Amino acid sequence: MNLPRMMAHQQIARPARGQDCLRVLGVDPAAAGPTGYGVIESDGRNCRLLHYGALRIAAQRRKESLGAALQDVHALLCKLIADFSPHVLAVEGIFSALNVRTALQLAEVRGVVLLAAAQNSLPVHSYSPREVKASVAGYGNADKRQMQVMVRALLHMEEIPEPADAADALAVALCHLQAHQTRLRFALPDANGGAKRESSGRKIASGGTSPDFAIANDGTGAGALQSAVRVVERNASADPRIITRR
């Protein structure tokens, strides 16, 4: 089946997956606009961009059948998984402020994303838009331009990632890397049950926090970072040797 036109398709590299790296496929599903995607990997210290872009479904294609657009999204994700062999898929959650019609349309696309991951035995982690913005930009209400600038800086890109949907997908992947490293450092449980599957049979990077993520370590990051702070505070109350600073 021929896939529809991809927007701002950029393939930086296509190396074999390293045994000491965590490779993440980030997806930003859209109800009507382009669905963004991005593949990055990290060894625990350095983060590398492999591929990104956005899939726009033509209006004529959408008119062919109710499921035509969903079929194209599913085919694209299956191809990305086959081509890049990610360890995990990170997807942005549904924004609660959306109207009912848009929320239902977005849920359909998101369901196809989850289906593609399940068919390929790929663990899935979901992050709310606010979590992603806080983790990457340090501010939960960052706008799209701010997110594009931060993604460019964190991934050492030569230009601003376009379109914004692709930048959002890369931001979701970066958010997962930050959350994953935080869970490893503080031995936090994985709410999605995916951490064990990610590391099953592989040596996944567990080094220190990447310098690329220094801006996110201000206490306003994703939920995993906030959980880590609570764990440290509880330990401090039980052990006077542990000192916490606010």
Protein backbone atom coordinates (compact mmCIF):
# COMPACT_ATOMS: atom_id res chain seq x y z
CA MET A 1 0.00 0.00 0.00
CA ASN A 2 1.31 3.45 -0.89
CA LEU A 3 1.54 5.84 2.00
CA PRO A 4 0.30 9.42 1.55
CA ARG A 5 2.69 12.31 1.33
CA MET A 6 4.88 12.93 4.39
CA MET A 7 5.63 16.49 5.42
CA ALA A 8 9.12 17.74 6.32
CA HIS A 9 10.41 14.19 6.25
CA GLN A 10 13.93 14.16 7.72
CA GLN A 11 16.11 11.10 8.14
CA ILE A 12 19.30 11.97 9.99
CA ALA A 13 20.64 8.44 10.40
CA ARG A 14 19.51 4.86 10.27
CA PRO A 15 22.00 2.87 12.29
CA ALA A 16 21.50 -0.53 13.82
CA ARG A 17 20.09 -0.31 17.33
CA GLY A 18 22.88 -0.32 19.90
CA GLN A 19 22.66 -2.72 22.83
CA ASP A 20 23.50 0.04 25.29
CA CYS A 21 21.03 2.61 23.94
CA LEU A 22 17.36 3.22 24.54
CA ARG A 23 15.57 4.02 21.28
CA VAL A 24 12.20 5.77 21.47
CA LEU A 25 9.54 6.36 18.85
CA GLY A 26 7.56 9.47 19.79
CA VAL A 27 4.11 10.08 18.30
CA ASP A 28 1.89 13.16 18.40
CA PRO A 29 -1.52 11.97 17.14
CA ALA A 30 -3.84 14.53 15.55
CA ALA A 31 -7.57 14.53 14.99
CA ALA A 32 -7.50 16.40 11.68
CA GLY A 33 -4.00 17.83 11.15
CA PRO A 34 -0.71 16.04 10.53
CA THR A 35 0.35 13.22 12.86
CA GLY A 36 3.91 13.90 13.99
CA TYR A 37 6.53 11.24 14.62
CA GLY A 38 10.16 11.16 15.68
CA VAL A 39 12.81 8.57 16.56
CA ILE A 40 15.63 9.33 18.99
CA GLU A 41 18.00 7.25 21.10
CA SER A 42 20.12 7.82 24.18
CA ASP A 43 22.94 5.99 25.95
CA GLY A 44 22.11 7.76 29.22
CA ARG A 45 24.41 10.69 28.54
CA ASN A 46 24.09 11.66 24.90
CA CYS A 47 20.92 11.88 22.87
CA ARG A 48 20.83 11.37 19.10
CA LEU A 49 18.17 12.23 16.55
CA LEU A 50 17.52 9.53 13.95
CA HIS A 51 14.37 10.46 12.07
CA TYR A 52 11.35 12.75 12.20
CA GLY A 53 8.47 14.06 10.14
CA ALA A 54 4.69 14.41 9.95
CA LEU A 55 2.00 12.59 8.02
CA ARG A 56 -0.75 14.68 6.42
CA ILE A 57 -3.76 12.82 5.09
CA ALA A 58 -5.17 14.43 1.93
CA ALA A 59 -8.82 15.46 2.00
CA GLN A 60 -9.56 13.18 -0.95
CA ARG A 61 -8.11 10.22 0.92
CA ARG A 62 -10.24 10.97 3.97
CA LYS A 63 -13.36 10.92 1.79
CA GLU A 64 -12.65 7.42 0.50
CA SER A 65 -13.87 5.78 3.70
CA LEU A 66 -14.23 6.48 7.42
CA GLY A 67 -11.16 4.39 8.21
CA ALA A 68 -8.87 5.44 5.36
CA ALA A 69 -6.92 7.98 7.40
CA LEU A 70 -6.59 5.56 10.31
CA GLN A 71 -5.30 2.87 7.95
CA ASP A 72 -2.58 5.22 6.69
CA VAL A 73 -1.49 6.16 10.20
CA HIS A 74 -1.33 2.49 11.17
CA ALA A 75 0.71 1.60 8.06
CA LEU A 76 3.15 4.43 8.74
CA LEU A 77 3.73 3.41 12.35
CA CYS A 78 4.23 -0.25 11.45
CA LYS A 79 6.82 0.81 8.85
CA LEU A 80 8.64 3.06 11.34
CA ILE A 81 8.73 0.23 13.89
CA ALA A 82 10.07 -2.19 11.29
CA ASP A 83 12.67 0.26 10.00
CA PHE A 84 14.02 1.61 13.30
CA SER A 85 13.27 -1.15 15.85
CA PRO A 86 12.52 1.15 18.81
CA HIS A 87 12.48 -0.23 22.35
CA VAL A 88 9.40 1.75 23.33
CA LEU A 89 6.71 4.00 21.91
CA ALA A 90 5.83 7.27 23.66
CA VAL A 91 2.56 8.96 22.75
CA GLU A 92 0.95 12.22 23.82
CA GLY A 93 -2.31 11.90 25.75
CA ILE A 94 -5.64 13.56 24.96
CA PHE A 95 -6.00 17.17 26.02
CA SER A 96 -9.00 17.34 28.36
CA ALA A 97 -10.10 20.80 27.15
CA LEU A 98 -10.95 19.52 23.65
CA ASN A 99 -14.59 19.46 22.60
CA VAL A 100 -16.29 16.07 22.48
CA ARG A 101 -16.15 15.67 18.69
CA THR A 102 -12.45 16.47 18.46
CA ALA A 103 -11.65 14.33 21.49
CA LEU A 104 -13.38 11.33 19.91
CA GLN A 105 -11.54 11.81 16.61
CA LEU A 106 -8.23 12.07 18.44
CA ALA A 107 -9.06 8.97 20.47
CA GLU A 108 -9.56 7.02 17.23
CA VAL A 109 -6.10 7.99 15.96
CA ARG A 110 -4.56 7.27 19.34
CA GLY A 111 -6.22 3.85 19.34
CA VAL A 112 -4.56 3.03 16.03
CA VAL A 113 -1.20 4.06 17.50
CA LEU A 114 -1.73 1.71 20.44
CA LEU A 115 -2.83 -1.07 18.09
CA ALA A 116 0.34 -0.78 15.98
CA ALA A 117 2.46 -0.93 19.13
CA ALA A 118 0.60 -3.97 20.49
CA GLN A 119 0.90 -5.82 17.19
CA ASN A 120 4.66 -5.31 17.32
CA SER A 121 4.98 -6.16 21.06
CA LEU A 122 6.15 -2.62 21.78
CA PRO A 123 5.59 -1.14 25.26
CA VAL A 124 3.71 2.17 25.28
CA HIS A 125 4.04 5.16 27.60
CA SER A 126 1.60 8.04 27.56
CA TYR A 127 2.33 11.61 28.69
CA SER A 128 -0.05 14.54 28.98
CA PRO A 129 0.71 17.69 26.97
CA ARG A 130 1.53 19.54 30.18
CA GLU A 131 3.96 16.83 31.29
CA VAL A 132 5.75 16.96 27.95
CA LYS A 133 6.05 20.76 28.00
CA ALA A 134 7.26 20.83 31.59
CA SER A 135 9.85 18.13 30.96
CA VAL A 136 11.27 19.62 27.76
CA ALA A 137 10.76 23.36 28.18
CA GLY A 138 10.56 23.59 31.97
CA TYR A 139 7.14 25.26 31.69
CA GLY A 140 3.83 23.43 31.43
CA ASN A 141 2.20 26.16 29.33
CA ALA A 142 4.97 26.58 26.75
CA ASP A 143 3.73 27.43 23.25
CA LYS A 144 4.60 25.54 20.07
CA ARG A 145 7.40 27.90 19.08
CA GLN A 146 9.06 27.55 22.49
CA MET A 147 8.83 23.77 22.19
CA GLN A 148 10.40 23.82 18.74
CA VAL A 149 13.30 25.94 20.00
CA MET A 150 13.90 23.65 22.99
CA VAL A 151 13.73 20.48 20.90
CA ARG A 152 16.26 21.98 18.51
CA ALA A 153 18.60 22.84 21.40
CA LEU A 154 18.29 19.47 23.18
CA LEU A 155 18.88 17.46 20.02
CA HIS A 156 21.60 19.79 18.67
CA MET A 157 19.73 20.32 15.42
CA GLU A 158 20.95 22.81 12.85
CA GLU A 159 17.47 24.18 12.20
CA ILE A 160 14.08 24.45 13.86
CA PRO A 161 12.18 21.17 13.39
CA GLU A 162 9.20 21.65 11.10
CA PRO A 163 6.31 21.22 11.11
CA ALA A 164 5.39 21.82 14.75
CA ASP A 165 3.69 18.41 14.85
CA ALA A 166 7.03 16.69 14.24
CA ALA A 167 8.66 18.81 16.96
CA ASP A 168 5.87 17.81 19.35
CA ALA A 169 6.53 14.12 18.61
CA LEU A 170 10.25 14.58 19.31
CA ALA A 171 9.33 16.36 22.55
CA VAL A 172 7.21 13.36 23.62
CA ALA A 173 10.17 11.07 22.98
CA LEU A 174 12.49 13.36 24.95
CA CYS A 175 9.98 13.42 27.81
CA HIS A 176 10.05 9.64 27.95
CA LEU A 177 13.85 9.52 28.03
CA GLN A 178 13.87 11.96 30.94
CA ALA A 179 11.19 9.99 32.81
CA HIS A 180 12.96 6.69 32.13
CA GLN A 181 16.31 7.96 33.46
CA THR A 182 14.60 9.38 36.55
CA ARG A 183 12.86 6.07 37.27
CA LEU A 184 16.17 4.23 37.00
CA ARG A 185 18.02 6.64 39.26
CA PHE A 186 15.42 6.62 42.04
CA ALA A 187 14.26 3.01 41.55
CA LEU A 188 10.69 4.19 40.99
CA PRO A 189 7.95 1.79 39.87
CA ASP A 190 6.72 2.15 36.32
CA ALA A 191 3.06 3.14 36.30
CA ASN A 192 2.64 1.76 32.77
CA GLY A 193 4.40 -1.49 33.56
CA GLY A 194 6.71 -0.90 30.65
CA ALA A 195 10.11 -0.49 32.31
CA LYS A 196 10.58 -4.20 32.84
CA ARG A 197 9.65 -4.97 29.24
CA GLU A 198 11.96 -2.25 27.94
CA SER A 199 14.97 -3.77 29.67
CA SER A 200 14.04 -7.40 29.13
CA GLY A 201 16.96 -9.15 27.45
CA ARG A 202 18.76 -5.87 26.74
CA LYS A 203 21.30 -3.66 28.37
CA ILE A 204 19.45 -0.36 28.54
CA ALA A 205 21.37 2.80 29.34
CA SER A 206 21.15 3.76 33.01
CA GLY A 207 23.89 6.35 33.23
CA GLY A 208 23.59 9.78 34.73
CA THR A 209 21.16 12.36 33.46
CA SER A 210 22.16 13.67 30.08
CA PRO A 211 23.54 17.22 30.14
CA ASP A 212 20.99 17.84 27.39
CA PHE A 213 18.24 17.54 29.99
CA ALA A 214 19.71 19.94 32.56
CA ILE A 215 17.00 22.51 31.91
CA ALA A 216 14.28 20.00 32.78
CA ASN A 217 15.71 19.18 36.20
CA ASP A 218 14.15 22.13 38.01
CA GLY A 219 11.35 20.27 39.80
CA THR A 220 8.81 21.03 37.07
CA GLY A 221 9.48 17.97 34.93
CA ALA A 222 7.27 15.03 34.16
CA GLY A 223 5.45 12.97 36.79
CA ALA A 224 8.36 10.61 37.34
CA LEU A 225 10.60 13.47 38.42
CA GLN A 226 7.97 14.78 40.82
CA SER A 227 7.57 11.27 42.27
CA ALA A 228 11.31 11.08 42.78
CA VAL A 229 11.27 14.27 44.82
CA ARG A 230 8.54 12.86 47.03
CA VAL A 231 10.54 9.64 47.56
CA VAL A 232 13.63 11.60 48.58
CA GLU A 233 11.61 13.75 50.98
CA ARG A 234 10.07 10.69 52.61
CA ASN A 235 13.51 9.14 53.02
CA ALA A 236 14.82 12.36 54.49
CA SER A 237 12.17 12.35 57.20
CA ALA A 238 13.19 8.81 58.16
CA ASP A 239 16.94 9.28 57.87
CA PRO A 240 18.46 12.54 59.22
CA ARG A 241 21.56 11.95 57.09
CA ILE A 242 19.60 12.79 53.94
CA ILE A 243 19.32 16.51 53.41
CA THR A 244 16.84 18.05 51.01
CA ARG A 245 16.79 21.58 49.70
CA ARG A 246 13.76 23.43 48.43
